[in-house]
N, C-alpha and C. Protein backbone atom coordinates (compact mmCIF):
# COMPACT_ATOMS: atom_id res chain seq x y z
N UNK A 1 0.85 -1.20 0.00
CA UNK A 1 0.00 0.00 0.00
C UNK A 1 0.88 1.24 0.00
N UNK A 2 0.67 2.08 -1.01
CA UNK A 2 1.52 3.27 -1.14
C UNK A 2 0.87 4.46 -0.45
N UNK A 3 1.70 5.36 0.08
CA UNK A 3 1.23 6.57 0.77
C UNK A 3 1.74 7.80 0.03
N UNK A 4 0.81 8.71 -0.27
CA UNK A 4 1.18 9.93 -0.98
C UNK A 4 1.38 11.05 0.03
N UNK A 5 2.50 11.65 0.01
CA UNK A 5 2.84 12.76 0.92
C UNK A 5 2.64 14.07 0.19
N UNK A 6 1.77 14.97 0.81
CA UNK A 6 1.51 16.28 0.20
C UNK A 6 2.76 17.12 0.23
N UNK A 7 3.01 17.84 -0.81
CA UNK A 7 4.21 18.70 -0.84
C UNK A 7 4.11 19.81 0.19
N UNK A 8 5.19 20.20 0.78
CA UNK A 8 5.23 21.28 1.78
C UNK A 8 4.84 22.60 1.14
N UNK A 9 4.10 23.42 1.90
CA UNK A 9 3.68 24.73 1.40
C UNK A 9 4.88 25.66 1.35
N UNK A 10 5.06 26.34 0.28
CA UNK A 10 6.23 27.22 0.16
C UNK A 10 6.22 28.31 1.23
N UNK A 11 7.37 28.59 1.81
CA UNK A 11 7.49 29.61 2.84
C UNK A 11 7.11 30.97 2.30
N UNK A 12 7.40 31.23 1.01
CA UNK A 12 7.09 32.52 0.42
C UNK A 12 5.58 32.77 0.42
N UNK A 13 4.79 31.75 0.12
CA UNK A 13 3.34 31.89 0.11
C UNK A 13 2.82 32.19 1.51
N UNK A 14 3.44 31.56 2.54
CA UNK A 14 3.02 31.80 3.92
C UNK A 14 3.30 33.24 4.34
N UNK A 15 4.48 33.74 3.95
CA UNK A 15 4.81 35.12 4.29
C UNK A 15 3.89 36.10 3.57
N UNK A 16 3.53 35.77 2.34
CA UNK A 16 2.65 36.64 1.57
C UNK A 16 1.26 36.71 2.22
N UNK A 17 0.78 35.58 2.72
CA UNK A 17 -0.51 35.57 3.40
C UNK A 17 -0.47 36.37 4.69
N UNK A 18 0.64 36.28 5.41
CA UNK A 18 0.78 37.05 6.65
C UNK A 18 0.78 38.55 6.36
N UNK A 19 1.47 38.95 5.31
CA UNK A 19 1.52 40.37 4.96
C UNK A 19 0.15 40.89 4.55
N UNK A 20 -0.62 40.05 3.81
CA UNK A 20 -1.97 40.47 3.44
C UNK A 20 -2.85 40.66 4.67
N UNK A 21 -2.70 39.75 5.63
CA UNK A 21 -3.48 39.85 6.87
C UNK A 21 -3.12 41.11 7.64
N UNK A 22 -1.80 41.37 7.74
CA UNK A 22 -1.36 42.58 8.45
C UNK A 22 -1.83 43.84 7.74
N UNK A 23 -1.78 43.80 6.42
CA UNK A 23 -2.23 44.96 5.65
C UNK A 23 -3.71 45.23 5.85
N UNK A 24 -4.53 44.17 5.86
CA UNK A 24 -5.97 44.34 6.07
C UNK A 24 -6.25 44.86 7.47
N UNK A 25 -5.51 44.35 8.45
CA UNK A 25 -5.70 44.81 9.83
C UNK A 25 -5.32 46.28 9.97
N UNK A 26 -4.23 46.70 9.31
CA UNK A 26 -3.80 48.08 9.37
C UNK A 26 -4.82 49.00 8.72
N UNK A 27 -5.36 48.59 7.56
CA UNK A 27 -6.37 49.41 6.89
C UNK A 27 -7.64 49.53 7.73
N UNK A 28 -8.03 48.41 8.37
CA UNK A 28 -9.22 48.45 9.23
C UNK A 28 -8.99 49.39 10.41
N UNK A 29 -7.79 49.34 11.00
CA UNK A 29 -7.48 50.22 12.12
C UNK A 29 -7.48 51.67 11.67
N UNK A 30 -6.94 51.95 10.48
CA UNK A 30 -6.89 53.31 9.97
C UNK A 30 -8.30 53.85 9.73
N UNK A 31 -9.15 53.04 9.12
CA UNK A 31 -10.53 53.46 8.86
C UNK A 31 -11.27 53.71 10.18
N UNK A 32 -11.11 52.80 11.15
CA UNK A 32 -11.77 52.95 12.45
C UNK A 32 -11.28 54.21 13.16
N UNK A 33 -9.98 54.49 13.04
CA UNK A 33 -9.43 55.69 13.68
C UNK A 33 -10.02 56.96 13.09
N UNK A 34 -10.11 57.00 11.78
CA UNK A 34 -10.64 58.19 11.10
C UNK A 34 -12.13 58.37 11.39
N UNK A 35 -12.88 57.25 11.30
CA UNK A 35 -14.33 57.34 11.47
C UNK A 35 -14.71 57.56 12.93
N UNK A 36 -14.17 56.72 13.83
CA UNK A 36 -14.56 56.76 15.23
C UNK A 36 -13.76 57.76 16.05
N UNK A 37 -12.50 58.01 15.66
CA UNK A 37 -11.66 58.91 16.44
C UNK A 37 -11.68 60.35 15.97
N UNK A 38 -12.10 60.59 14.73
CA UNK A 38 -12.11 61.95 14.20
C UNK A 38 -13.49 62.38 13.71
N UNK A 39 -14.02 61.66 12.73
CA UNK A 39 -15.28 62.07 12.11
C UNK A 39 -16.45 62.06 13.09
N UNK A 40 -16.61 60.97 13.84
CA UNK A 40 -17.74 60.87 14.77
C UNK A 40 -17.66 61.92 15.88
N UNK A 41 -16.51 62.08 16.57
CA UNK A 41 -16.45 63.12 17.61
C UNK A 41 -16.70 64.53 17.06
N UNK A 42 -16.17 64.82 15.86
CA UNK A 42 -16.40 66.14 15.27
C UNK A 42 -17.86 66.35 14.93
N UNK A 43 -18.53 65.29 14.44
CA UNK A 43 -19.95 65.39 14.11
C UNK A 43 -20.78 65.65 15.36
N UNK A 44 -20.53 64.88 16.42
CA UNK A 44 -21.30 65.05 17.66
C UNK A 44 -21.02 66.41 18.29
N UNK A 45 -19.74 66.85 18.25
CA UNK A 45 -19.40 68.16 18.79
C UNK A 45 -20.11 69.27 18.02
N UNK A 46 -20.15 69.15 16.71
CA UNK A 46 -20.83 70.14 15.89
C UNK A 46 -22.33 70.21 16.19
N UNK A 47 -22.95 69.04 16.32
CA UNK A 47 -24.38 69.00 16.65
C UNK A 47 -24.63 69.61 18.02
N UNK A 48 -23.77 69.24 19.00
CA UNK A 48 -23.94 69.76 20.36
C UNK A 48 -23.77 71.27 20.41
N UNK A 49 -22.76 71.79 19.72
CA UNK A 49 -22.50 73.23 19.75
C UNK A 49 -23.59 74.02 19.03
N UNK A 50 -24.19 73.44 18.02
CA UNK A 50 -25.22 74.17 17.27
C UNK A 50 -26.59 74.06 17.92
N UNK A 51 -26.90 72.89 18.50
CA UNK A 51 -28.24 72.67 19.05
C UNK A 51 -28.31 72.86 20.56
N UNK A 52 -27.22 72.52 21.27
CA UNK A 52 -27.24 72.58 22.74
C UNK A 52 -25.93 73.19 23.23
N UNK A 53 -25.61 74.36 22.75
CA UNK A 53 -24.31 74.95 23.06
C UNK A 53 -24.15 75.26 24.54
N UNK A 54 -25.22 75.73 25.21
CA UNK A 54 -25.13 76.08 26.63
C UNK A 54 -24.83 74.84 27.46
N UNK A 55 -25.55 73.76 27.20
CA UNK A 55 -25.32 72.51 27.93
C UNK A 55 -23.97 71.90 27.59
N UNK A 56 -23.59 71.96 26.31
CA UNK A 56 -22.33 71.36 25.89
C UNK A 56 -21.12 72.05 26.49
N UNK A 57 -21.26 73.32 26.83
CA UNK A 57 -20.15 74.09 27.38
C UNK A 57 -20.16 74.17 28.89
N UNK A 58 -20.95 73.30 29.54
CA UNK A 58 -20.92 73.22 31.00
C UNK A 58 -22.04 73.91 31.72
N UNK A 59 -23.07 74.36 30.99
CA UNK A 59 -24.21 75.05 31.61
C UNK A 59 -23.73 76.20 32.50
N UNK A 60 -22.82 77.00 31.96
CA UNK A 60 -22.22 78.09 32.73
C UNK A 60 -23.19 79.25 32.91
N UNK A 61 -23.12 79.86 34.09
CA UNK A 61 -23.95 81.02 34.41
C UNK A 61 -23.05 82.24 34.53
N UNK A 62 -23.44 83.33 33.91
CA UNK A 62 -22.64 84.56 33.93
C UNK A 62 -23.29 85.61 34.81
N UNK A 63 -22.47 86.50 35.37
CA UNK A 63 -23.01 87.59 36.16
C UNK A 63 -23.43 88.73 35.24
N UNK A 64 -23.79 89.86 35.82
CA UNK A 64 -24.27 90.99 35.02
C UNK A 64 -23.19 91.58 34.12
N UNK A 65 -21.93 91.26 34.40
CA UNK A 65 -20.82 91.75 33.57
C UNK A 65 -20.40 90.75 32.51
N UNK A 66 -21.11 89.64 32.43
CA UNK A 66 -20.80 88.63 31.43
C UNK A 66 -19.71 87.66 31.84
N UNK A 67 -19.28 87.71 33.09
CA UNK A 67 -18.24 86.80 33.57
C UNK A 67 -18.86 85.52 34.11
N UNK A 68 -18.32 84.38 33.69
CA UNK A 68 -18.82 83.10 34.19
C UNK A 68 -18.50 82.97 35.67
N UNK A 69 -19.52 82.69 36.48
CA UNK A 69 -19.34 82.61 37.93
C UNK A 69 -19.67 81.23 38.48
N UNK A 70 -20.07 80.31 37.61
CA UNK A 70 -20.37 78.97 38.08
C UNK A 70 -21.21 78.23 37.06
N UNK A 71 -21.63 77.04 37.43
CA UNK A 71 -22.45 76.20 36.57
C UNK A 71 -23.81 75.99 37.22
N UNK A 72 -24.83 75.90 36.39
CA UNK A 72 -26.18 75.64 36.90
C UNK A 72 -26.30 74.24 37.46
N UNK A 73 -25.32 73.38 37.15
CA UNK A 73 -25.37 71.98 37.58
C UNK A 73 -24.52 71.68 38.79
N UNK A 74 -23.71 72.65 39.21
CA UNK A 74 -22.79 72.42 40.34
C UNK A 74 -23.00 73.48 41.41
N UNK A 75 -23.21 73.02 42.63
CA UNK A 75 -23.38 73.95 43.73
C UNK A 75 -22.06 74.58 44.13
N UNK A 76 -22.13 75.61 44.93
CA UNK A 76 -20.93 76.26 45.45
C UNK A 76 -21.26 76.95 46.76
N UNK A 77 -20.24 77.26 47.52
CA UNK A 77 -20.45 77.91 48.81
C UNK A 77 -20.52 79.42 48.64
N UNK A 78 -21.17 80.06 49.61
CA UNK A 78 -21.23 81.52 49.66
C UNK A 78 -20.78 81.91 51.07
N UNK A 79 -19.48 81.97 51.23
CA UNK A 79 -18.89 82.20 52.54
C UNK A 79 -17.71 83.16 52.42
N UNK A 80 -17.27 83.67 53.57
CA UNK A 80 -16.11 84.55 53.57
C UNK A 80 -14.83 83.73 53.58
N UNK A 81 -13.69 84.40 53.68
CA UNK A 81 -12.40 83.71 53.61
C UNK A 81 -12.20 82.69 54.72
N UNK A 82 -12.87 82.90 55.84
CA UNK A 82 -12.72 81.97 56.96
C UNK A 82 -13.71 80.81 56.90
N UNK A 83 -14.57 80.83 55.89
CA UNK A 83 -15.56 79.77 55.74
C UNK A 83 -16.88 80.05 56.39
N UNK A 84 -17.04 81.25 56.96
CA UNK A 84 -18.29 81.62 57.62
C UNK A 84 -19.33 82.01 56.57
N UNK A 85 -20.54 81.43 56.62
CA UNK A 85 -21.55 81.76 55.61
C UNK A 85 -21.92 83.24 55.63
N UNK A 86 -22.11 83.80 54.45
CA UNK A 86 -22.44 85.21 54.32
C UNK A 86 -23.94 85.41 54.50
N UNK A 87 -24.31 86.31 55.40
CA UNK A 87 -25.72 86.55 55.69
C UNK A 87 -26.45 87.18 54.53
N UNK A 88 -25.73 87.81 53.62
CA UNK A 88 -26.37 88.50 52.49
C UNK A 88 -26.73 87.57 51.35
N UNK A 89 -26.39 86.32 51.47
CA UNK A 89 -26.68 85.36 50.39
C UNK A 89 -27.46 84.16 50.92
N UNK A 90 -28.26 83.58 50.04
CA UNK A 90 -28.90 82.31 50.35
C UNK A 90 -27.82 81.23 50.40
N UNK A 91 -27.95 80.33 51.33
CA UNK A 91 -26.94 79.29 51.52
C UNK A 91 -27.40 77.96 50.95
N UNK A 92 -26.47 77.18 50.41
CA UNK A 92 -26.81 75.86 49.87
C UNK A 92 -26.93 74.83 50.98
N UNK A 93 -27.23 73.61 50.62
CA UNK A 93 -27.29 72.54 51.60
C UNK A 93 -25.86 72.10 51.94
N UNK A 94 -25.64 71.33 52.99
CA UNK A 94 -24.29 70.87 53.32
C UNK A 94 -23.71 70.02 52.18
N UNK A 95 -22.40 69.94 52.13
CA UNK A 95 -21.73 69.15 51.11
C UNK A 95 -20.62 68.31 51.73
N UNK A 96 -20.57 67.04 51.31
CA UNK A 96 -19.51 66.14 51.78
C UNK A 96 -18.44 65.95 50.71
N UNK A 97 -18.48 66.77 49.66
CA UNK A 97 -17.49 66.66 48.58
C UNK A 97 -16.25 67.46 48.95
N UNK A 98 -15.21 66.77 49.36
CA UNK A 98 -13.98 67.44 49.77
C UNK A 98 -14.25 68.34 50.96
N UNK A 99 -13.82 69.59 50.84
CA UNK A 99 -14.09 70.58 51.88
C UNK A 99 -15.42 71.28 51.65
N UNK A 100 -16.17 70.78 50.69
CA UNK A 100 -17.46 71.36 50.37
C UNK A 100 -17.56 71.77 48.93
N UNK A 101 -18.42 71.10 48.17
CA UNK A 101 -18.65 71.42 46.77
C UNK A 101 -17.37 71.38 45.93
N UNK A 102 -16.51 70.42 46.22
CA UNK A 102 -15.30 70.19 45.44
C UNK A 102 -15.64 69.20 44.33
N UNK A 103 -15.69 69.71 43.09
CA UNK A 103 -16.09 68.86 41.97
C UNK A 103 -15.11 67.72 41.70
N UNK A 104 -13.89 67.83 42.21
CA UNK A 104 -12.91 66.76 42.02
C UNK A 104 -13.05 65.67 43.07
N UNK A 105 -13.91 65.89 44.07
CA UNK A 105 -14.09 64.91 45.14
C UNK A 105 -15.57 64.66 45.38
N UNK A 106 -16.33 64.57 44.31
CA UNK A 106 -17.77 64.38 44.41
C UNK A 106 -18.10 63.11 45.18
N UNK A 107 -19.06 63.21 46.10
CA UNK A 107 -19.48 62.04 46.86
C UNK A 107 -20.26 62.43 48.10
N UNK A 108 -20.95 61.45 48.67
CA UNK A 108 -21.71 61.68 49.89
C UNK A 108 -20.95 61.20 51.10
N UNK A 109 -21.63 61.17 52.24
CA UNK A 109 -20.98 60.75 53.48
C UNK A 109 -20.88 59.24 53.59
N UNK A 110 -21.76 58.51 52.86
CA UNK A 110 -21.85 57.05 52.95
C UNK A 110 -22.19 56.59 54.37
N UNK A 111 -22.85 57.45 55.12
CA UNK A 111 -23.28 57.10 56.47
C UNK A 111 -24.76 56.76 56.45
N UNK A 112 -25.13 55.63 57.09
CA UNK A 112 -26.51 55.21 57.13
C UNK A 112 -27.33 56.03 58.10
N UNK A 113 -28.67 55.96 58.01
CA UNK A 113 -29.54 56.79 58.86
C UNK A 113 -29.41 56.50 60.34
N UNK A 114 -28.91 55.32 60.70
CA UNK A 114 -28.76 55.00 62.12
C UNK A 114 -27.35 55.28 62.64
N UNK A 115 -26.47 55.78 61.76
CA UNK A 115 -25.10 56.05 62.16
C UNK A 115 -25.06 57.23 63.15
N UNK A 116 -24.40 57.04 64.28
CA UNK A 116 -24.37 58.07 65.32
C UNK A 116 -23.66 59.33 64.86
N UNK A 117 -22.63 59.16 64.03
CA UNK A 117 -21.92 60.35 63.52
C UNK A 117 -22.84 61.19 62.66
N UNK A 118 -23.63 60.54 61.81
CA UNK A 118 -24.56 61.26 60.95
C UNK A 118 -25.63 61.96 61.78
N UNK A 119 -26.14 61.27 62.79
CA UNK A 119 -27.16 61.86 63.64
C UNK A 119 -26.63 63.12 64.33
N UNK A 120 -25.38 63.07 64.80
CA UNK A 120 -24.77 64.23 65.44
C UNK A 120 -24.59 65.37 64.44
N UNK A 121 -24.19 65.02 63.22
CA UNK A 121 -24.01 66.06 62.20
C UNK A 121 -25.34 66.74 61.87
N UNK A 122 -26.38 65.95 61.76
CA UNK A 122 -27.70 66.51 61.45
C UNK A 122 -28.17 67.42 62.57
N UNK A 123 -28.00 66.97 63.81
CA UNK A 123 -28.41 67.80 64.95
C UNK A 123 -27.63 69.11 65.00
N UNK A 124 -26.31 69.01 64.76
CA UNK A 124 -25.46 70.21 64.78
C UNK A 124 -25.83 71.16 63.64
N UNK A 125 -26.05 70.60 62.45
CA UNK A 125 -26.43 71.43 61.31
C UNK A 125 -27.77 72.11 61.56
N UNK A 126 -28.71 71.35 62.10
CA UNK A 126 -30.03 71.92 62.36
C UNK A 126 -29.98 73.08 63.34
N UNK A 127 -29.20 72.90 64.41
CA UNK A 127 -29.08 73.96 65.42
C UNK A 127 -28.41 75.20 64.83
N UNK A 128 -27.35 74.99 64.03
CA UNK A 128 -26.63 76.12 63.45
C UNK A 128 -27.48 76.87 62.44
N UNK A 129 -28.22 76.14 61.62
CA UNK A 129 -29.06 76.79 60.61
C UNK A 129 -30.21 77.53 61.26
N UNK A 130 -30.80 76.94 62.29
CA UNK A 130 -31.89 77.61 62.99
C UNK A 130 -31.41 78.92 63.62
N UNK A 131 -30.24 78.89 64.24
CA UNK A 131 -29.70 80.09 64.87
C UNK A 131 -29.32 81.14 63.82
N UNK A 132 -28.74 80.71 62.73
CA UNK A 132 -28.29 81.63 61.68
C UNK A 132 -29.47 82.36 61.04
N UNK A 133 -30.59 81.65 60.89
CA UNK A 133 -31.74 82.23 60.21
C UNK A 133 -32.82 82.73 61.17
N UNK A 134 -32.59 82.55 62.48
CA UNK A 134 -33.54 83.04 63.46
C UNK A 134 -34.88 82.33 63.41
N UNK A 135 -34.85 81.00 63.21
CA UNK A 135 -36.09 80.23 63.15
C UNK A 135 -36.04 79.11 64.18
N UNK A 136 -37.17 78.51 64.42
CA UNK A 136 -37.22 77.36 65.32
C UNK A 136 -36.60 76.15 64.64
N UNK A 137 -35.87 75.30 65.34
CA UNK A 137 -35.26 74.11 64.72
C UNK A 137 -36.26 73.22 64.00
N UNK A 138 -37.50 73.22 64.46
CA UNK A 138 -38.52 72.38 63.82
C UNK A 138 -38.87 72.88 62.42
N UNK A 139 -38.51 74.12 62.11
CA UNK A 139 -38.82 74.69 60.79
C UNK A 139 -37.74 74.39 59.75
N UNK A 140 -36.62 73.82 60.20
CA UNK A 140 -35.51 73.53 59.29
C UNK A 140 -35.84 72.27 58.48
N UNK A 141 -35.90 72.36 57.15
CA UNK A 141 -36.25 71.21 56.32
C UNK A 141 -35.10 70.21 56.20
N UNK A 142 -35.38 68.97 55.79
CA UNK A 142 -34.34 67.93 55.73
C UNK A 142 -33.15 68.26 54.84
N UNK A 143 -33.39 68.90 53.68
CA UNK A 143 -32.27 69.14 52.78
C UNK A 143 -31.31 70.19 53.32
N UNK A 144 -31.74 70.95 54.33
CA UNK A 144 -30.87 71.96 54.92
C UNK A 144 -29.82 71.35 55.83
N UNK A 145 -30.04 70.12 56.29
CA UNK A 145 -29.13 69.50 57.25
C UNK A 145 -28.44 68.25 56.70
N UNK A 146 -28.79 67.83 55.49
CA UNK A 146 -28.17 66.63 54.90
C UNK A 146 -27.55 66.98 53.56
N UNK A 147 -26.46 66.32 53.22
CA UNK A 147 -25.81 66.54 51.94
C UNK A 147 -26.41 65.63 50.88
N UNK A 148 -26.25 65.99 49.65
CA UNK A 148 -26.75 65.16 48.55
C UNK A 148 -25.79 64.01 48.29
N UNK A 149 -26.22 63.06 47.47
CA UNK A 149 -25.36 61.92 47.17
C UNK A 149 -24.09 62.31 46.46
N UNK A 150 -24.14 63.35 45.63
CA UNK A 150 -22.96 63.80 44.91
C UNK A 150 -22.17 64.84 45.69
N UNK A 151 -22.83 65.52 46.63
CA UNK A 151 -22.19 66.63 47.33
C UNK A 151 -22.10 67.88 46.49
N UNK A 152 -22.74 67.87 45.31
CA UNK A 152 -22.64 69.00 44.38
C UNK A 152 -24.00 69.55 43.98
N UNK A 153 -25.05 69.20 44.70
CA UNK A 153 -26.40 69.62 44.34
C UNK A 153 -26.50 71.14 44.32
N UNK A 154 -26.88 71.74 43.19
CA UNK A 154 -26.95 73.20 43.11
C UNK A 154 -28.26 73.78 43.63
N UNK A 155 -29.23 72.93 43.93
CA UNK A 155 -30.56 73.39 44.28
C UNK A 155 -30.89 73.13 45.75
N UNK A 156 -31.82 73.91 46.27
CA UNK A 156 -32.37 73.69 47.60
C UNK A 156 -33.89 73.66 47.48
N UNK A 157 -34.54 73.14 48.49
CA UNK A 157 -35.99 73.10 48.49
C UNK A 157 -36.55 74.51 48.67
N UNK A 158 -37.79 74.68 48.25
CA UNK A 158 -38.45 75.96 48.45
C UNK A 158 -38.55 76.28 49.94
N UNK A 159 -38.79 75.24 50.74
CA UNK A 159 -38.92 75.45 52.19
C UNK A 159 -37.62 75.99 52.78
N UNK A 160 -36.48 75.46 52.32
CA UNK A 160 -35.20 75.95 52.84
C UNK A 160 -34.94 77.38 52.39
N UNK A 161 -35.33 77.70 51.17
CA UNK A 161 -35.15 79.07 50.68
C UNK A 161 -36.00 80.04 51.50
N UNK A 162 -37.22 79.64 51.81
CA UNK A 162 -38.13 80.56 52.50
C UNK A 162 -37.69 80.87 53.93
N UNK A 163 -37.07 79.91 54.62
CA UNK A 163 -36.64 80.23 55.98
C UNK A 163 -35.43 81.15 55.99
N UNK A 164 -34.83 81.39 54.82
CA UNK A 164 -33.68 82.30 54.73
C UNK A 164 -34.08 83.71 54.30
N UNK A 165 -35.34 83.88 53.92
CA UNK A 165 -35.79 85.17 53.38
C UNK A 165 -35.59 86.31 54.37
N UNK A 166 -36.03 86.15 55.59
CA UNK A 166 -35.93 87.23 56.58
C UNK A 166 -34.49 87.64 56.81
N UNK A 167 -33.62 86.65 56.96
CA UNK A 167 -32.20 86.93 57.22
C UNK A 167 -31.56 87.69 56.06
N UNK A 168 -31.80 87.24 54.82
CA UNK A 168 -31.22 87.90 53.65
C UNK A 168 -31.79 89.31 53.49
N UNK A 169 -33.09 89.46 53.69
CA UNK A 169 -33.72 90.77 53.55
C UNK A 169 -33.14 91.76 54.55
N UNK A 170 -32.98 91.32 55.78
CA UNK A 170 -32.43 92.20 56.81
C UNK A 170 -30.99 92.56 56.51
N UNK A 171 -30.18 91.58 56.07
CA UNK A 171 -28.77 91.83 55.79
C UNK A 171 -28.58 92.77 54.60
N UNK A 172 -29.52 92.76 53.66
CA UNK A 172 -29.40 93.60 52.47
C UNK A 172 -30.22 94.88 52.56
N UNK A 173 -31.00 95.03 53.60
CA UNK A 173 -31.83 96.20 53.69
C UNK A 173 -32.97 96.19 52.69
N UNK A 174 -33.46 95.02 52.37
CA UNK A 174 -34.57 94.86 51.43
C UNK A 174 -35.81 94.44 52.20
N UNK A 175 -36.95 94.55 51.56
CA UNK A 175 -38.18 94.09 52.19
C UNK A 175 -38.30 92.57 52.02
N UNK A 176 -38.99 91.95 52.97
CA UNK A 176 -39.22 90.51 52.86
C UNK A 176 -39.96 90.17 51.58
N UNK A 177 -40.91 91.03 51.22
CA UNK A 177 -41.72 90.78 50.02
C UNK A 177 -40.86 90.77 48.76
N UNK A 178 -39.89 91.68 48.70
CA UNK A 178 -39.02 91.74 47.52
C UNK A 178 -38.15 90.49 47.41
N UNK A 179 -37.61 90.05 48.54
CA UNK A 179 -36.76 88.86 48.52
C UNK A 179 -37.60 87.62 48.23
N UNK A 180 -38.78 87.56 48.82
CA UNK A 180 -39.67 86.42 48.58
C UNK A 180 -40.06 86.34 47.10
N UNK A 181 -40.26 87.50 46.48
CA UNK A 181 -40.61 87.52 45.06
C UNK A 181 -39.48 86.97 44.21
N UNK A 182 -38.23 87.24 44.60
CA UNK A 182 -37.09 86.69 43.87
C UNK A 182 -37.03 85.18 44.03
N UNK A 183 -37.36 84.69 45.22
CA UNK A 183 -37.40 83.24 45.43
C UNK A 183 -38.44 82.61 44.51
N UNK A 184 -39.62 83.21 44.46
CA UNK A 184 -40.68 82.68 43.60
C UNK A 184 -40.28 82.72 42.13
N UNK A 185 -39.61 83.80 41.72
CA UNK A 185 -39.21 83.95 40.32
C UNK A 185 -38.14 82.94 39.93
N UNK A 186 -37.37 82.47 40.92
CA UNK A 186 -36.29 81.53 40.63
C UNK A 186 -36.60 80.10 41.09
N UNK A 187 -37.87 79.83 41.33
CA UNK A 187 -38.28 78.48 41.69
C UNK A 187 -38.55 77.68 40.43
N UNK A 188 -37.89 76.53 40.33
CA UNK A 188 -38.05 75.65 39.18
C UNK A 188 -39.16 74.64 39.48
N UNK A 189 -40.02 74.35 38.50
CA UNK A 189 -41.12 73.40 38.73
C UNK A 189 -40.63 71.96 38.70
N UNK A 190 -41.52 71.05 38.96
CA UNK A 190 -41.21 69.63 38.84
C UNK A 190 -40.82 69.31 37.39
N UNK A 191 -39.87 68.42 37.21
CA UNK A 191 -39.47 68.02 35.87
C UNK A 191 -40.64 67.36 35.15
N UNK A 192 -40.85 67.80 33.91
CA UNK A 192 -41.96 67.36 33.05
C UNK A 192 -43.29 67.28 33.81
N UNK A 193 -43.43 68.15 34.80
CA UNK A 193 -44.71 68.31 35.46
C UNK A 193 -44.99 67.45 36.66
N UNK A 194 -44.26 66.33 36.82
CA UNK A 194 -44.60 65.44 37.94
C UNK A 194 -43.41 64.76 38.61
N UNK A 195 -42.21 64.92 38.06
CA UNK A 195 -41.04 64.27 38.65
C UNK A 195 -40.34 65.20 39.63
N UNK A 196 -40.02 64.68 40.82
CA UNK A 196 -39.31 65.46 41.81
C UNK A 196 -40.18 66.52 42.46
N UNK A 197 -39.52 67.50 43.07
CA UNK A 197 -40.21 68.57 43.77
C UNK A 197 -39.72 69.92 43.24
N UNK A 198 -40.50 70.97 43.39
CA UNK A 198 -40.01 72.31 43.03
C UNK A 198 -38.75 72.62 43.81
N UNK A 199 -37.82 73.31 43.18
CA UNK A 199 -36.56 73.62 43.85
C UNK A 199 -36.05 74.97 43.37
N UNK A 200 -35.04 75.46 44.09
CA UNK A 200 -34.48 76.78 43.81
C UNK A 200 -32.98 76.62 43.55
N UNK A 201 -32.52 77.15 42.42
CA UNK A 201 -31.09 77.13 42.13
C UNK A 201 -30.43 78.27 42.91
N UNK A 202 -29.54 77.92 43.82
CA UNK A 202 -28.98 78.90 44.75
C UNK A 202 -28.16 79.97 44.02
N UNK A 203 -27.34 79.56 43.06
CA UNK A 203 -26.50 80.53 42.35
C UNK A 203 -27.35 81.52 41.58
N UNK A 204 -28.34 81.04 40.86
CA UNK A 204 -29.21 81.95 40.10
C UNK A 204 -29.95 82.91 41.02
N UNK A 205 -30.41 82.42 42.15
CA UNK A 205 -31.13 83.27 43.10
C UNK A 205 -30.21 84.35 43.66
N UNK A 206 -28.99 83.98 44.01
CA UNK A 206 -28.06 84.97 44.56
C UNK A 206 -27.64 86.00 43.51
N UNK A 207 -27.51 85.58 42.27
CA UNK A 207 -27.22 86.55 41.20
C UNK A 207 -28.38 87.51 41.02
N UNK A 208 -29.60 86.98 41.15
CA UNK A 208 -30.78 87.84 41.04
C UNK A 208 -30.79 88.86 42.18
N UNK A 209 -30.36 88.42 43.36
CA UNK A 209 -30.25 89.35 44.50
C UNK A 209 -29.28 90.48 44.20
N UNK A 210 -28.11 90.11 43.65
CA UNK A 210 -27.10 91.12 43.35
C UNK A 210 -27.57 92.11 42.29
N UNK A 211 -28.46 91.63 41.41
CA UNK A 211 -28.95 92.50 40.34
C UNK A 211 -30.18 93.31 40.75
N UNK A 212 -30.76 92.97 41.89
CA UNK A 212 -31.98 93.66 42.33
C UNK A 212 -31.68 95.09 42.72
N UNK A 213 -32.59 95.98 42.44
CA UNK A 213 -32.45 97.39 42.79
C UNK A 213 -33.02 97.62 44.18
């Protein structure tokens, strides 16, 4: 019984096949780089800048002089150099992000509702806010004494804004009615009519205060 042995494949043919494979892979990588790394990002950037330029650029808010002073999506403190809250401005809720509203350290306290440290913080915050605004501790709403999950929430509840009206009005020499009207004018409704609760953007409200006559 005879056995036929297949001839060995030429090495040159094997190298040629490898080069074709490498060439196809390189062309595919080049096309993917141009389409996904250049064309697609430029297309999306162009659409964003033309249709949603304010959002695409960080939702920045400018003062009366046109200078960007913050973002509508990120809270910030209104305090003096020593960290003491300014009586002439509405104050945001507490923040656990870094030293407070640090966008590079976004996060909450990660403390549960039964945690003794959290309970002490809430009690201390409630007492301080009540004294600062001249109200009874029972009038202090929950968002005034607790931080948000991100630590960067730019909004406060309407209830928290209203307990600050008297203090801000007195510090600025304005009437309560005038300050209350600014709160109402800067109150945002529920999202799409039924999601969440009405809230007040602190930065926008404080800018409105600065612009008030």
